[in-house]
Protein backbone atom coordinates (compact mmCIF):
# COMPACT_ATOMS: atom_id res chain seq x y z
CA MET A 1 -29.57 -1.88 -62.54
CA ALA A 2 -27.15 0.54 -61.08
CA GLY A 3 -23.65 0.67 -62.45
CA ARG A 4 -20.37 2.43 -62.13
CA ASP A 5 -18.88 5.22 -64.17
CA GLU A 6 -15.55 5.24 -65.94
CA ASN A 7 -13.80 6.18 -62.64
CA ASN A 8 -15.40 3.22 -60.88
CA LYS A 9 -17.55 5.50 -58.73
CA ILE A 10 -20.90 4.29 -57.49
CA ALA A 11 -23.66 5.65 -59.69
CA VAL A 12 -26.40 7.71 -58.10
CA ASP A 13 -29.04 5.06 -58.64
CA ASP A 14 -27.06 2.37 -56.75
CA PRO A 15 -28.54 1.16 -53.45
CA ALA A 16 -26.80 2.25 -50.21
CA PRO A 17 -23.35 0.67 -49.88
CA ALA A 18 -22.62 -1.55 -46.86
CA LEU A 19 -20.92 0.08 -43.90
CA ASN A 20 -17.27 -0.70 -43.33
CA ARG A 21 -16.89 -1.87 -39.72
CA ARG A 22 -13.24 -0.88 -39.28
CA GLY A 23 -13.90 2.47 -40.90
CA LEU A 24 -16.68 3.15 -38.45
CA LEU A 25 -14.66 2.15 -35.42
CA ARG A 26 -11.53 4.06 -36.33
CA GLY A 27 -13.33 7.06 -37.75
CA GLY A 28 -15.79 7.28 -34.97
CA ALA A 29 -18.66 8.17 -37.32
CA ILE A 30 -22.08 6.55 -37.59
CA ILE A 31 -24.19 7.38 -40.65
CA ALA A 32 -27.75 8.04 -39.58
CA GLY A 33 -30.75 9.49 -41.41
CA ALA A 34 -29.00 9.40 -44.78
CA ALA A 35 -30.82 8.50 -48.01
CA VAL A 36 -29.03 7.32 -51.08
CA GLY A 37 -31.18 6.66 -54.15
CA GLY A 38 -34.32 6.89 -51.96
CA VAL A 39 -33.18 4.24 -49.46
CA ALA A 40 -33.37 5.98 -46.06
CA ALA A 41 -31.14 4.94 -43.13
CA ALA A 42 -30.66 1.41 -44.48
CA ALA A 43 -27.28 1.33 -42.74
CA LEU A 44 -28.88 1.45 -39.27
CA THR A 45 -30.41 -1.96 -39.79
CA ALA A 46 -26.98 -3.58 -40.05
CA PRO A 47 -25.72 -5.75 -37.14
CA ALA A 48 -24.11 -3.80 -34.26
CA ALA A 49 -20.42 -3.13 -34.75
CA GLU A 50 -17.99 -4.94 -32.48
CA ALA A 51 -14.70 -3.31 -31.42
CA ALA A 52 -11.51 -5.28 -31.92
CA ASP A 53 -8.83 -5.25 -29.25
CA GLY A 54 -7.39 -1.79 -28.89
CA ASP A 55 -10.24 -0.05 -30.72
CA ALA A 56 -12.15 2.80 -29.09
CA VAL A 57 -15.56 2.17 -27.54
CA LEU A 58 -18.44 3.69 -29.50
CA ALA A 59 -21.54 4.94 -27.73
CA GLY A 60 -24.56 2.80 -28.55
CA ARG A 61 -22.53 -0.08 -29.95
CA SER A 62 -21.63 -3.35 -28.31
CA THR A 63 -18.05 -4.41 -28.02
CA GLY A 64 -16.69 -7.87 -28.76
CA ALA A 65 -13.13 -7.19 -27.74
CA GLU A 66 -11.56 -10.08 -25.89
CA SER A 67 -8.74 -8.17 -24.24
CA SER A 68 -9.11 -4.38 -24.08
CA THR A 69 -10.77 -1.32 -25.56
CA GLY A 70 -10.08 2.30 -24.78
CA ILE A 71 -11.87 5.53 -23.98
CA GLU A 72 -9.87 8.64 -24.77
CA ILE A 73 -11.30 11.97 -23.67
CA GLY A 74 -9.61 15.37 -23.95
CA ASP A 75 -6.62 16.73 -25.80
CA GLY A 76 -3.94 15.92 -23.24
CA THR A 77 -4.15 19.22 -21.37
CA GLY A 78 -6.40 17.83 -18.61
CA SER A 79 -8.75 19.68 -16.29
CA ALA A 80 -10.16 19.54 -12.79
CA ASP A 81 -13.30 17.86 -14.06
CA PRO A 82 -13.72 14.08 -13.99
CA THR A 83 -12.64 12.32 -17.19
CA LEU A 84 -15.62 10.00 -16.93
CA LYS A 85 -18.82 10.45 -15.01
CA LEU A 86 -21.38 7.66 -14.72
CA SER A 87 -24.97 8.09 -13.51
CA ASN A 88 -27.62 5.56 -12.59
CA ALA A 89 -30.41 6.57 -10.28
CA ASN A 90 -31.71 3.01 -9.91
CA GLY A 91 -28.59 0.98 -9.23
CA PRO A 92 -24.77 0.80 -9.36
CA SER A 93 -23.12 3.17 -11.82
CA LEU A 94 -20.17 0.91 -12.42
CA TYR A 95 -19.60 -2.85 -12.43
CA LEU A 96 -16.15 -4.45 -12.37
CA GLU A 97 -16.03 -8.14 -13.08
CA PRO A 98 -14.39 -9.72 -9.95
CA LEU A 99 -11.20 -11.71 -10.25
CA ALA A 100 -10.27 -14.69 -8.09
CA ALA A 101 -9.51 -14.06 -4.43
CA ASP A 102 -5.89 -15.15 -4.95
CA TYR A 103 -5.25 -12.74 -7.84
CA ALA A 104 -1.58 -11.91 -7.56
CA GLY A 105 -1.03 -9.54 -10.44
CA GLN A 106 1.14 -6.44 -9.80
CA LEU A 107 -0.87 -3.30 -10.59
CA GLU A 108 0.83 -0.16 -11.77
CA LEU A 109 0.29 3.19 -10.01
CA GLY A 110 -3.42 4.15 -10.23
CA GLN A 111 -4.67 0.88 -11.68
CA ILE A 112 -7.66 -0.73 -9.97
CA ALA A 113 -8.89 -4.33 -10.20
CA ASN A 114 -11.78 -6.01 -8.42
CA THR A 115 -11.50 -9.36 -6.63
CA VAL A 116 -14.17 -11.45 -4.93
CA ILE A 117 -12.83 -10.34 -1.57
CA GLY A 118 -12.50 -6.64 -2.44
CA PRO A 119 -10.94 -4.20 -4.92
CA VAL A 120 -7.18 -3.75 -5.10
CA ILE A 121 -5.24 -0.74 -6.33
CA GLY A 122 -1.69 0.12 -7.34
CA VAL A 123 -0.27 2.78 -4.95
CA ASP A 124 3.02 4.49 -4.22
CA SER A 125 3.20 3.28 -0.62
CA LEU A 126 5.69 4.19 2.08
CA LEU A 127 7.93 1.36 0.86
CA GLY A 128 7.50 1.83 -2.92
CA GLU A 129 4.94 0.97 -5.56
CA THR A 130 2.80 -1.95 -4.46
CA THR A 131 -0.60 -3.57 -5.00
CA THR A 132 -2.84 -3.34 -1.97
CA PHE A 133 -6.50 -3.39 -1.00
CA LEU A 134 -8.43 -0.26 -1.80
CA ALA A 135 -9.50 1.47 1.44
CA THR A 136 -12.22 4.12 1.34
CA GLY A 137 -12.47 6.86 3.86
CA ILE A 138 -8.91 6.36 5.00
CA ASP A 139 -5.77 8.21 4.07
CA LEU A 140 -3.43 5.38 3.04
CA ALA A 141 -0.35 7.41 3.94
CA ASP A 142 -1.51 7.39 7.56
CA LEU A 143 -1.94 3.62 7.80
CA PRO A 144 0.83 1.83 9.71
CA THR A 145 2.95 -0.08 7.23
CA PRO A 146 4.86 -3.17 8.50
CA TYR A 147 8.56 -3.01 7.68
CA ALA A 148 10.66 -6.14 8.22
CA LEU A 149 14.34 -5.33 8.72
CA PRO A 150 16.54 -7.10 6.18
CA THR A 151 18.86 -8.05 9.06
CA PRO A 152 17.78 -8.08 12.72
CA VAL A 153 19.35 -5.36 14.84
CA ARG A 154 20.72 -6.22 18.27
CA VAL A 155 19.22 -3.44 20.40
CA LEU A 156 19.98 -4.84 23.82
CA ASP A 157 22.51 -7.08 25.53
CA THR A 158 22.66 -6.24 29.22
CA ALA A 159 26.03 -8.00 29.63
CA SER A 160 28.09 -5.43 27.64
CA ALA A 161 28.40 -1.67 27.57
CA ALA A 162 27.86 -1.61 23.79
CA GLY A 163 24.72 -3.72 24.22
CA ARG A 164 23.36 -1.25 26.77
CA ARG A 165 23.81 1.94 24.72
CA ARG A 166 20.15 2.02 23.62
CA ILE A 167 18.86 2.01 27.16
CA ILE A 168 17.21 5.38 27.68
CA ARG A 169 16.36 5.03 31.36
CA MET A 170 15.87 2.28 33.91
CA SER A 171 14.60 1.61 37.41
CA SER A 172 16.97 2.05 40.33
CA GLY A 173 19.45 -0.82 40.60
CA ALA A 174 18.11 -2.44 37.45
CA LEU A 175 21.49 -4.05 36.60
CA ASP A 176 23.91 -5.92 38.80
CA SER A 177 27.72 -5.91 38.42
CA ALA A 178 27.56 -8.81 35.94
CA GLY A 179 25.21 -6.95 33.61
CA ARG A 180 22.05 -8.90 34.56
CA MET A 181 18.60 -7.47 35.15
CA THR A 182 17.69 -7.68 38.80
CA PRO A 183 14.34 -8.98 40.10
CA LYS A 184 11.39 -6.65 39.53
CA SER A 185 13.47 -4.20 37.49
CA TRP A 186 12.70 -2.51 34.19
CA LEU A 187 14.44 -0.56 31.46
CA ASP A 188 13.22 1.58 28.52
CA LEU A 189 14.80 0.58 25.23
CA GLU A 190 15.14 2.84 22.15
CA VAL A 191 13.55 1.57 18.94
CA ALA A 192 13.87 4.70 16.74
CA VAL A 193 14.53 8.40 17.07
CA GLU A 194 11.42 10.61 16.99
CA GLU A 195 11.07 12.65 13.78
CA ALA A 196 8.44 15.11 12.58
CA ASP A 197 7.80 13.07 9.35
CA PHE A 198 6.88 9.71 10.78
CA VAL A 199 5.91 7.70 13.83
CA VAL A 200 6.82 4.13 14.77
CA PRO A 201 3.74 2.92 16.65
CA SER A 202 4.95 -0.63 17.23
CA ALA A 203 7.95 -2.95 17.00
CA TYR A 204 8.74 -6.63 16.55
CA LEU A 205 11.26 -7.84 19.13
CA ASN A 206 12.88 -11.19 19.71
CA VAL A 207 13.49 -11.17 23.49
CA SER A 208 15.78 -13.71 25.16
CA ALA A 209 16.49 -14.61 28.76
CA VAL A 210 20.11 -15.88 28.81
CA ALA A 211 21.22 -18.18 31.62
CA PRO A 212 18.66 -16.99 34.19
CA VAL A 213 19.60 -17.64 37.81
CA THR A 214 16.09 -18.55 38.94
CA ASN A 215 12.69 -19.17 37.39
CA GLY A 216 10.85 -16.07 36.25
CA TYR A 217 9.53 -14.13 33.30
CA LEU A 218 10.19 -11.19 31.03
CA ALA A 219 7.55 -8.73 29.82
CA ALA A 220 7.78 -6.34 26.86
CA TYR A 221 5.28 -3.47 26.73
CA PRO A 222 5.03 0.27 26.01
CA PRO A 223 6.71 2.38 28.72
CA GLY A 224 4.23 2.92 31.52
CA ASP A 225 2.36 0.76 33.99
CA PHE A 226 3.13 -2.96 33.94
CA PRO A 227 0.19 -4.74 32.23
CA GLY A 228 0.51 -7.85 34.38
CA THR A 229 1.18 -10.27 31.54
CA SER A 230 4.40 -11.99 30.56
CA THR A 231 6.10 -12.10 27.19
CA LEU A 232 8.50 -14.91 28.04
CA ASN A 233 8.50 -17.44 30.88
CA PHE A 234 11.88 -18.99 31.74
CA GLN A 235 13.40 -21.62 33.99
CA ALA A 236 16.65 -21.38 35.92
CA LYS A 237 19.76 -21.92 33.77
CA VAL A 238 17.70 -22.42 30.59
CA THR A 239 18.21 -19.87 27.80
CA ILE A 240 14.99 -19.23 25.93
CA ALA A 241 13.63 -16.64 23.46
CA ASN A 242 10.22 -15.45 22.24
CA LEU A 243 8.99 -13.02 19.57
CA ALA A 244 6.89 -10.10 20.75
CA PHE A 245 4.85 -7.46 18.89
CA VAL A 246 4.93 -4.43 21.16
CA SER A 247 3.43 -0.97 21.06
CA THR A 248 5.87 1.90 21.56
CA ALA A 249 5.76 5.19 23.49
CA ILE A 250 7.87 8.36 23.36
CA VAL A 251 10.60 8.52 25.95
CA GLN A 252 12.95 11.51 25.82
CA GLY A 253 12.33 12.09 22.11
CA ARG A 254 12.67 8.44 21.11
CA PHE A 255 10.25 5.63 20.39
CA ALA A 256 10.80 3.05 23.10
CA VAL A 257 9.54 -0.21 24.59
CA ARG A 258 9.94 -1.31 28.18
CA ILE A 259 11.49 -4.62 29.28
CA TYR A 260 10.59 -5.94 32.74
CA SER A 261 12.24 -8.88 34.48
CA SER A 262 10.84 -10.71 37.51
CA ALA A 263 14.11 -12.52 38.23
CA LEU A 264 17.91 -12.23 37.89
CA THR A 265 18.90 -12.86 34.23
CA ARG A 266 20.89 -11.50 31.34
CA VAL A 267 18.54 -10.11 28.69
CA VAL A 268 19.11 -9.89 24.92
CA ALA A 269 16.70 -8.25 22.47
CA ASP A 270 16.86 -8.19 18.66
CA LEU A 271 14.66 -5.81 16.61
CA THR A 272 13.25 -7.71 13.59
CA GLY A 273 10.83 -5.11 12.27
CA VAL A 274 8.68 -2.05 12.95
CA THR A 275 5.46 -0.45 11.75
CA ILE A 276 5.80 3.01 10.18
CA LYS A 277 3.19 5.66 9.47
CA GLY A 278 3.21 9.24 8.33
CA THR A 279 1.99 12.10 10.44
CA ASP A 280 -0.64 14.69 9.44
CA GLN A 281 1.65 17.42 10.69
CA SER A 282 4.44 16.40 8.34
CA ALA A 283 5.46 19.02 5.77
CA GLY A 284 6.83 16.27 3.58
CA LEU A 285 3.52 14.42 3.62
CA ALA A 286 1.55 17.60 3.01
CA ALA A 287 3.66 18.32 -0.06
CA GLN A 288 3.21 14.77 -1.30
CA ARG A 289 -0.53 14.92 -0.93
CA THR A 290 -0.73 18.32 -2.61
CA THR A 291 1.55 17.81 -5.58
CA ARG A 292 1.38 14.03 -6.01
CA THR A 293 4.77 14.18 -7.70
CA ALA A 294 7.33 11.42 -7.96
CA LYS A 295 9.85 13.64 -6.22
CA ALA A 296 7.59 14.05 -3.20
CA ALA A 297 6.95 10.31 -3.13
CA ARG A 298 10.70 9.58 -3.16
CA ARG A 299 11.21 12.07 -0.34
CA LEU A 300 8.44 10.43 1.68
CA ARG A 301 9.93 6.98 1.30
CA SER A 302 13.38 8.36 2.21
CA THR A 303 11.92 9.96 5.31
CA LEU A 304 10.06 6.96 6.58
CA THR A 305 12.42 4.12 5.79
CA ASP A 306 15.92 5.46 5.33
CA ARG A 307 15.79 7.55 8.49
CA VAL A 308 14.46 4.61 10.50
CA ARG A 309 17.14 2.37 8.98
CA ARG A 310 19.84 4.92 9.80
CA SER A 311 18.48 5.25 13.31
CA LEU A 312 18.63 1.54 13.85
CA SER A 313 22.21 1.26 12.52
CA ARG A 314 23.67 3.76 14.93
């Protein structure tokens, strides 16, 4: 029988000692092809090691972790090469277990999760860090982002001089002496000032006909030819409002919508939100895409939201 010496060391004629699972996982070493006392590679016949939560994944070993394991590659300096490259000529290279369709977890910047209705990712969007669906083949910075104003902005009240200050241009004789839109008149209404960093492709407007004199309708649409459809139908002496989602167009350096009235009425419009998107020509966006720094991201958000907010509060 094998024994131990006076220092409690394993004698040379002992059989191979059992592998220590935690030692293997944390040391990252697998004994292979070793022979102790003539017993060759006995350790390889042991059950596969299982990583506990937080342990590193070992190649060739299954993992029984119930929460997380980690793969750490590199010494912290980084490189232009991928940290992980997967290859499978006969099928998918990566499989992510899908979560429920109503998964509502907030992902941090760069994190990806898969749901049964599509993958989601944590991004630094135009309005701050958010969890959104992962879009492939599309520059997310160029996607229109809805922005609801915390407080609606009164952008038009034809009855007062202050309420008319956002009117950029109008048809001849569009307003009567009482500040009402005349029949078959139109006016172009400013939504936001044009900037090099962003565009405002559409706006949400709550349009009201106040005390109309006769039956008629209002139409909200991008400046240009009348599309022939109404946004709001009204009856004489009945004040009524309706919400409209309207595309914008550039008028004298400002994003604008057009309001058309078929009959004599006071018109009020409140801006409740806009959609915002970056422009490919923007130097701020180019810097953000090149450097991917937090400073550039903050500058981008300031450009697209703060400037629009300031424009609306004038």
